[in-house]
Amino acid sequence: MEIDKQERMRRAEGLFMQGFNCSQAVVAAFADVYGMPQAEALRVSAGLGAGIGRMRQTCGTVCGMAVLAGLDCGSATPGDRQGKSGCYKVVQQLAEEFRREHGSIICSELLQLKKGAPLDYEASERTAEYYKARPCVRQVISAARIYSEYLEGKQGQGREPQVQQD
């Protein structure tokens, strides 16, 4: 499957601008690659937005790339240490590329929140001010590009994304 990097970046941005969280935008932008219905991709990644459940921990876009890496190279065999290790390596490489570009993979740092700022589970209302004040859309686009480049690299090596069959 040929990956159109610009199209994947536009998809991710569009999903985010529609009101989906950062993780949902990244995962759903690639759901079709793995034969996953978009609604399922949106549900499976819903709790990872805003730094995992709005706890401002690991950026939702990075979590989204980890979900995609699991779909792509994750093992479903008990005790498969080699498979786990290979997937962990991919996740760490994706996260490191994101960190190089943005300086961190931690949501609170990316948003420049004060240490110890109170946590709240209430999702922010998506307004023009919200989108203007947050760096999140740039990070969504960046994560989609990074993941596209990962897939392009696999294709360059003659390996296609793994579509999971049950």
Protein backbone atom coordinates (compact mmCIF):
# COMPACT_ATOMS: atom_id res chain seq x y z
CA MET A 1 0.00 0.00 0.00
CA GLU A 2 1.40 3.36 -1.05
CA ILE A 3 1.34 5.92 1.77
CA ASP A 4 0.61 9.51 0.77
CA LYS A 5 2.31 11.39 3.59
CA GLN A 6 0.62 14.72 2.85
CA GLU A 7 -2.81 13.07 2.75
CA ARG A 8 -2.23 11.34 6.12
CA MET A 9 -1.12 14.64 7.63
CA ARG A 10 -4.25 16.36 6.25
CA ARG A 11 -6.45 13.56 7.58
CA ALA A 12 -4.96 13.82 11.06
CA GLU A 13 -5.25 17.60 11.07
CA GLY A 14 -8.85 17.44 9.83
CA LEU A 15 -9.86 14.96 12.51
CA PHE A 16 -8.31 17.11 15.21
CA MET A 17 -9.99 20.24 13.87
CA GLN A 18 -13.33 18.39 13.89
CA GLY A 19 -12.97 18.02 17.65
CA PHE A 20 -11.35 14.62 18.10
CA ASN A 21 -8.49 14.47 20.55
CA CYS A 22 -4.84 14.34 19.52
CA SER A 23 -4.49 10.58 19.86
CA GLN A 24 -7.73 9.88 18.01
CA ALA A 25 -6.64 12.13 15.15
CA VAL A 26 -3.36 10.25 14.67
CA VAL A 27 -4.76 6.73 15.02
CA ALA A 28 -7.85 7.30 12.87
CA ALA A 29 -5.75 8.89 10.11
CA PHE A 30 -4.12 5.47 9.58
CA ALA A 31 -6.95 3.09 10.56
CA ASP A 32 -7.61 2.00 6.99
CA VAL A 33 -3.99 0.86 6.61
CA TYR A 34 -4.75 -1.86 9.17
CA GLY A 35 -8.29 -2.64 8.04
CA MET A 36 -9.75 -0.97 11.13
CA PRO A 37 -13.04 0.90 10.88
CA GLN A 38 -12.58 4.58 11.70
CA ALA A 39 -15.14 4.45 14.53
CA GLU A 40 -13.19 1.64 16.18
CA ALA A 41 -9.92 3.56 15.84
CA LEU A 42 -11.56 6.59 17.42
CA ARG A 43 -12.87 4.55 20.36
CA VAL A 44 -9.67 2.60 21.00
CA SER A 45 -7.62 5.79 21.16
CA ALA A 46 -10.16 8.02 22.95
CA GLY A 47 -8.69 7.60 26.42
CA LEU A 48 -5.16 8.51 25.35
CA GLY A 49 -5.78 12.15 24.46
CA ALA A 50 -4.46 15.13 26.42
CA GLY A 51 -1.57 13.16 27.82
CA ILE A 52 -3.55 9.98 28.65
CA GLY A 53 -6.98 10.83 29.98
CA ARG A 54 -6.15 14.53 30.30
CA MET A 55 -3.53 13.76 32.96
CA ARG A 56 -0.93 15.63 30.87
CA GLN A 57 1.52 12.72 30.81
CA THR A 58 2.80 11.23 27.52
CA CYS A 59 1.48 13.30 24.61
CA GLY A 60 -1.57 11.73 23.00
CA THR A 61 0.03 11.94 19.56
CA VAL A 62 2.94 9.82 20.79
CA CYS A 63 0.46 7.40 22.38
CA GLY A 64 -1.34 7.28 19.05
CA MET A 65 1.87 6.37 17.24
CA ALA A 66 2.43 3.62 19.84
CA VAL A 67 -1.04 2.22 19.13
CA LEU A 68 -0.28 2.25 15.40
CA ALA A 69 3.09 0.58 15.96
CA GLY A 70 1.30 -2.14 17.92
CA LEU A 71 -1.06 -2.67 15.01
CA ASP A 72 1.88 -2.73 12.63
CA CYS A 73 4.46 -4.86 14.38
CA GLY A 74 3.01 -5.88 17.74
CA SER A 75 2.99 -9.54 18.69
CA ALA A 76 -0.12 -11.47 19.66
CA THR A 77 1.86 -14.53 20.75
CA PRO A 78 2.29 -15.18 24.48
CA GLY A 79 5.90 -15.04 25.61
CA ASP A 80 7.15 -13.53 22.35
CA ARG A 81 10.00 -11.49 23.82
CA GLN A 82 11.56 -10.89 20.41
CA GLY A 83 8.26 -9.58 19.02
CA LYS A 84 7.70 -7.33 22.03
CA SER A 85 11.24 -6.04 21.81
CA GLY A 86 10.91 -5.25 18.13
CA CYS A 87 7.71 -3.31 18.72
CA TYR A 88 9.20 -1.46 21.70
CA LYS A 89 12.15 -0.48 19.50
CA VAL A 90 9.80 1.02 16.91
CA VAL A 91 7.82 2.90 19.58
CA GLN A 92 11.02 4.30 21.08
CA GLN A 93 12.27 5.40 17.67
CA LEU A 94 8.98 7.15 16.87
CA ALA A 95 8.94 8.84 20.29
CA GLU A 96 12.56 9.94 19.94
CA GLU A 97 11.88 11.53 16.55
CA PHE A 98 8.93 13.40 18.08
CA ARG A 99 11.11 14.49 21.05
CA ARG A 100 13.82 15.76 18.66
CA GLU A 101 11.27 17.92 16.88
CA HIS A 102 9.30 19.18 19.87
CA GLY A 103 11.72 19.00 22.80
CA SER A 104 9.57 16.62 24.84
CA ILE A 105 6.97 13.88 24.65
CA ILE A 106 5.26 15.06 27.86
CA CYS A 107 1.96 16.87 27.34
CA SER A 108 2.34 19.28 30.26
CA GLU A 109 5.80 20.31 29.04
CA LEU A 110 4.61 20.75 25.48
CA LEU A 111 1.75 22.94 26.73
CA GLN A 112 4.12 24.76 29.12
CA LEU A 113 1.82 24.11 32.07
CA LYS A 114 2.99 25.02 35.56
CA LYS A 115 4.30 22.13 37.63
CA GLY A 116 1.61 20.89 39.97
CA ALA A 117 -1.20 22.49 37.95
CA PRO A 118 -4.46 20.84 39.01
CA LEU A 119 -5.78 18.05 36.82
CA ASP A 120 -9.28 18.15 35.43
CA TYR A 121 -11.12 15.53 33.44
CA GLU A 122 -13.34 18.05 31.65
CA ALA A 123 -12.43 18.27 27.98
CA SER A 124 -11.75 21.78 26.76
CA GLU A 125 -14.33 23.39 24.54
CA ARG A 126 -13.02 23.59 21.00
CA THR A 127 -13.13 27.24 20.04
CA ALA A 128 -11.06 29.43 17.74
CA GLU A 129 -9.12 30.59 20.82
CA TYR A 130 -8.46 26.97 21.85
CA TYR A 131 -6.94 26.14 18.47
CA LYS A 132 -4.96 29.40 18.36
CA ALA A 133 -3.49 28.95 21.85
CA ARG A 134 -2.51 25.28 21.61
CA PRO A 135 0.45 23.73 19.81
CA CYS A 136 -1.50 20.46 19.52
CA VAL A 137 -2.47 20.69 15.87
CA ARG A 138 1.20 21.06 14.89
CA GLN A 139 2.02 18.00 16.97
CA VAL A 140 -0.82 16.00 15.40
CA ILE A 141 0.49 16.86 11.93
CA SER A 142 4.05 16.07 13.00
CA ALA A 143 3.08 12.67 14.44
CA ALA A 144 1.22 11.79 11.24
CA ARG A 145 4.31 12.75 9.22
CA ILE A 146 6.64 10.77 11.50
CA TYR A 147 4.44 7.69 11.27
CA SER A 148 4.09 8.07 7.50
CA GLU A 149 7.87 8.22 7.22
CA TYR A 150 8.15 5.06 9.32
CA LEU A 151 5.78 3.29 6.91
CA GLU A 152 7.66 4.70 3.90
CA GLY A 153 10.90 3.36 5.38
CA LYS A 154 9.37 -0.10 5.67
CA GLN A 155 8.23 0.07 2.05
CA GLY A 156 11.72 1.14 1.01
CA GLN A 157 12.94 -2.09 2.58
CA GLY A 158 10.32 -4.10 0.70
CA ARG A 159 8.12 -4.63 3.79
CA GLU A 160 4.45 -3.68 3.84
CA PRO A 161 2.41 -2.69 6.92
CA GLN A 162 1.05 -5.74 8.71
CA VAL A 163 -2.72 -6.05 8.39
CA GLN A 164 -3.82 -8.18 11.30
CA GLN A 165 -5.97 -11.19 10.44
CA ASP A 166 -7.86 -13.16 13.06
